[in-house]
């Protein structure tokens, strides 16, 4: 059974930095892992993804140049480094993994950016 556990969320001041982590168990490799977020009253949206093999990345326009997604294959962990966060980045951040047509989600971690 695949489980994804996020950590690292919390309160951060605008312009600061925060690093989210997503630890995967139950498998040692995936096709793609990524971070999504959902703000109150809004739909869940894609933030960034990374291919497990090769490491190619994708970012939504609003976080390009500020957020960096990375993976540690040996630890089955994906990180999201959030630099210069803005109040509009406030949301619950979810980790997602896909493999063999299956989709797995973490439970989410709250990120609150104060102005």
C-alpha atoms as a PDB file:
ATOM      1  CA  UNK A   1       0.000   0.000   0.000  1.00  0.00           C
ATOM      2  CA  UNK A   2       1.479   3.313  -1.087  1.00  0.00           C
ATOM      3  CA  UNK A   3       1.423   6.090   1.490  1.00  0.00           C
ATOM      4  CA  UNK A   4       2.508   9.685   1.073  1.00  0.00           C
ATOM      5  CA  UNK A   5       3.242  11.776   4.144  1.00  0.00           C
ATOM      6  CA  UNK A   6       3.812  15.511   3.828  1.00  0.00           C
ATOM      7  CA  UNK A   7       5.694  17.625   6.329  1.00  0.00           C
ATOM      8  CA  UNK A   8       7.229  21.064   6.644  1.00  0.00           C
ATOM      9  CA  UNK A   9       4.151  23.240   6.443  1.00  0.00           C
ATOM     10  CA  UNK A  10       3.526  26.118   8.785  1.00  0.00           C
ATOM     11  CA  UNK A  11       3.482  29.876   9.053  1.00  0.00           C
ATOM     12  CA  UNK A  12       6.033  31.880   7.089  1.00  0.00           C
ATOM     13  CA  UNK A  13       6.449  35.558   6.397  1.00  0.00           C
ATOM     14  CA  UNK A  14       6.225  36.831   2.860  1.00  0.00           C
ATOM     15  CA  UNK A  15       9.697  36.873   1.369  1.00  0.00           C
ATOM     16  CA  UNK A  16      10.945  34.128   3.652  1.00  0.00           C
ATOM     17  CA  UNK A  17      11.415  30.477   2.807  1.00  0.00           C
ATOM     18  CA  UNK A  18       9.879  27.132   3.613  1.00  0.00           C
ATOM     19  CA  UNK A  19      10.599  23.580   2.503  1.00  0.00           C
ATOM     20  CA  UNK A  20       7.920  20.949   2.170  1.00  0.00           C
ATOM     21  CA  UNK A  21       8.740  17.256   2.082  1.00  0.00           C
ATOM     22  CA  UNK A  22       6.752  14.256   0.911  1.00  0.00           C
ATOM     23  CA  UNK A  23       7.936  10.837   2.038  1.00  0.00           C
ATOM     24  CA  UNK A  24       6.631   7.867   0.074  1.00  0.00           C
ATOM     25  CA  UNK A  25       6.369   4.316   1.359  1.00  0.00           C
ATOM     26  CA  UNK A  26       5.131   1.128  -0.217  1.00  0.00           C
ATOM     27  CA  UNK A  27       7.037   1.642  -3.480  1.00  0.00           C
ATOM     28  CA  UNK A  28      10.571   2.589  -4.437  1.00  0.00           C
ATOM     29  CA  UNK A  29       9.809   4.360  -7.695  1.00  0.00           C
ATOM     30  CA  UNK A  30       7.045   6.295  -9.393  1.00  0.00           C
ATOM     31  CA  UNK A  31       6.341   7.805 -12.787  1.00  0.00           C
ATOM     32  CA  UNK A  32       5.702  11.321 -11.584  1.00  0.00           C
ATOM     33  CA  UNK A  33       5.415  13.065  -8.251  1.00  0.00           C
ATOM     34  CA  UNK A  34       4.118  16.531  -7.695  1.00  0.00           C
ATOM     35  CA  UNK A  35       2.695  19.173  -5.447  1.00  0.00           C
ATOM     36  CA  UNK A  36      -0.794  20.585  -5.664  1.00  0.00           C
ATOM     37  CA  UNK A  37      -2.464  23.190  -3.483  1.00  0.00           C
ATOM     38  CA  UNK A  38      -5.947  24.207  -2.534  1.00  0.00           C
ATOM     39  CA  UNK A  39      -6.870  27.557  -1.058  1.00  0.00           C
ATOM     40  CA  UNK A  40     -10.185  28.114   0.738  1.00  0.00           C
ATOM     41  CA  UNK A  41     -13.019  28.396  -1.738  1.00  0.00           C
ATOM     42  CA  UNK A  42     -10.820  27.475  -4.689  1.00  0.00           C
ATOM     43  CA  UNK A  43     -10.170  24.356  -6.701  1.00  0.00           C
ATOM     44  CA  UNK A  44      -7.072  22.265  -6.191  1.00  0.00           C
ATOM     45  CA  UNK A  45      -4.354  23.400  -8.589  1.00  0.00           C
ATOM     46  CA  UNK A  46      -1.061  22.035  -9.824  1.00  0.00           C
ATOM     47  CA  UNK A  47       2.057  23.679  -8.422  1.00  0.00           C
ATOM     48  CA  UNK A  48       4.972  21.582  -9.685  1.00  0.00           C
ATOM     49  CA  UNK A  49       5.815  18.072 -10.889  1.00  0.00           C
ATOM     50  CA  UNK A  50       8.955  16.018 -11.306  1.00  0.00           C
ATOM     51  CA  UNK A  51       9.600  12.844 -13.249  1.00  0.00           C
ATOM     52  CA  UNK A  52      11.064  10.114 -11.074  1.00  0.00           C
ATOM     53  CA  UNK A  53      13.318   8.971 -13.909  1.00  0.00           C
ATOM     54  CA  UNK A  54      15.296  11.764 -15.484  1.00  0.00           C
ATOM     55  CA  UNK A  55      14.085  14.453 -13.109  1.00  0.00           C
ATOM     56  CA  UNK A  56      12.389  16.727 -15.627  1.00  0.00           C
ATOM     57  CA  UNK A  57      10.266  19.339 -13.910  1.00  0.00           C
ATOM     58  CA  UNK A  58       7.220  21.461 -14.573  1.00  0.00           C
ATOM     59  CA  UNK A  59       6.025  24.558 -12.714  1.00  0.00           C
ATOM     60  CA  UNK A  60       2.863  26.559 -12.890  1.00  0.00           C
ATOM     61  CA  UNK A  61       3.582  30.114 -14.003  1.00  0.00           C
ATOM     62  CA  UNK A  62       2.789  31.738 -10.668  1.00  0.00           C
ATOM     63  CA  UNK A  63       5.626  29.931  -8.845  1.00  0.00           C
ATOM     64  CA  UNK A  64       8.311  29.875 -11.541  1.00  0.00           C
ATOM     65  CA  UNK A  65      11.552  31.331 -10.260  1.00  0.00           C
ATOM     66  CA  UNK A  66      10.414  31.086  -6.627  1.00  0.00           C
ATOM     67  CA  UNK A  67       9.669  27.412  -5.966  1.00  0.00           C
ATOM     68  CA  UNK A  68      11.896  24.437  -6.714  1.00  0.00           C
ATOM     69  CA  UNK A  69      10.819  20.797  -6.754  1.00  0.00           C
ATOM     70  CA  UNK A  70      13.437  18.108  -6.211  1.00  0.00           C
ATOM     71  CA  UNK A  71      13.597  14.421  -5.413  1.00  0.00           C
ATOM     72  CA  UNK A  72      15.775  12.143  -3.355  1.00  0.00           C
ATOM     73  CA  UNK A  73      15.415   8.735  -4.957  1.00  0.00           C
ATOM     74  CA  UNK A  74      17.351   6.978  -2.218  1.00  0.00           C
ATOM     75  CA  UNK A  75      14.935   8.275   0.424  1.00  0.00           C
ATOM     76  CA  UNK A  76      11.772   8.113  -1.714  1.00  0.00           C
ATOM     77  CA  UNK A  77      11.203  11.760  -0.902  1.00  0.00           C
ATOM     78  CA  UNK A  78      10.165  14.788  -2.896  1.00  0.00           C
ATOM     79  CA  UNK A  79      10.735  18.332  -1.696  1.00  0.00           C
ATOM     80  CA  UNK A  80       9.251  21.681  -2.570  1.00  0.00           C
ATOM     81  CA  UNK A  81      11.532  24.582  -1.715  1.00  0.00           C
ATOM     82  CA  UNK A  82       9.407  27.701  -1.426  1.00  0.00           C
ATOM     83  CA  UNK A  83      11.434  30.913  -1.654  1.00  0.00           C
ATOM     84  CA  UNK A  84       9.924  34.380  -1.519  1.00  0.00           C
ATOM     85  CA  UNK A  85       6.442  33.073  -0.811  1.00  0.00           C
ATOM     86  CA  UNK A  86       3.527  35.461  -1.172  1.00  0.00           C
ATOM     87  CA  UNK A  87       0.263  35.653   0.784  1.00  0.00           C
ATOM     88  CA  UNK A  88      -1.509  34.245  -2.271  1.00  0.00           C
ATOM     89  CA  UNK A  89       0.536  31.058  -1.860  1.00  0.00           C
ATOM     90  CA  UNK A  90      -1.437  30.314   1.312  1.00  0.00           C
ATOM     91  CA  UNK A  91      -3.141  26.950   0.880  1.00  0.00           C
ATOM     92  CA  UNK A  92      -3.147  23.328   1.886  1.00  0.00           C
ATOM     93  CA  UNK A  93      -0.370  21.661  -0.099  1.00  0.00           C
ATOM     94  CA  UNK A  94      -0.842  18.081  -1.223  1.00  0.00           C
ATOM     95  CA  UNK A  95       1.682  15.595  -2.531  1.00  0.00           C
ATOM     96  CA  UNK A  96       0.613  13.409  -5.443  1.00  0.00           C
ATOM     97  CA  UNK A  97       2.267  10.357  -6.979  1.00  0.00           C
ATOM     98  CA  UNK A  98       1.369   8.458 -10.121  1.00  0.00           C
ATOM     99  CA  UNK A  99       2.543   5.029 -11.238  1.00  0.00           C
ATOM    100  CA  UNK A 100       1.060   2.341 -13.504  1.00  0.00           C
ATOM    101  CA  UNK A 101      -2.152   4.288 -13.880  1.00  0.00           C
ATOM    102  CA  UNK A 102      -2.653   4.621 -10.152  1.00  0.00           C
ATOM    103  CA  UNK A 103      -2.835   7.951  -8.347  1.00  0.00           C
ATOM    104  CA  UNK A 104      -1.937   8.479  -4.715  1.00  0.00           C
ATOM    105  CA  UNK A 105      -2.419  11.558  -2.538  1.00  0.00           C
ATOM    106  CA  UNK A 106      -1.023  12.657   0.775  1.00  0.00           C
ATOM    107  CA  UNK A 107      -3.142  14.110   3.546  1.00  0.00           C
ATOM    108  CA  UNK A 108      -1.973  17.683   2.963  1.00  0.00           C
ATOM    109  CA  UNK A 109      -0.007  20.227   4.941  1.00  0.00           C
ATOM    110  CA  UNK A 110      -1.096  23.792   5.641  1.00  0.00           C
ATOM    111  CA  UNK A 111       1.078  26.650   4.454  1.00  0.00           C
ATOM    112  CA  UNK A 112       0.184  30.144   5.611  1.00  0.00           C
ATOM    113  CA  UNK A 113       2.092  33.147   4.306  1.00  0.00           C
ATOM    114  CA  UNK A 114       1.733  36.331   6.314  1.00  0.00           C
ATOM    115  CA  UNK A 115       2.185  39.748   4.767  1.00  0.00           C
END
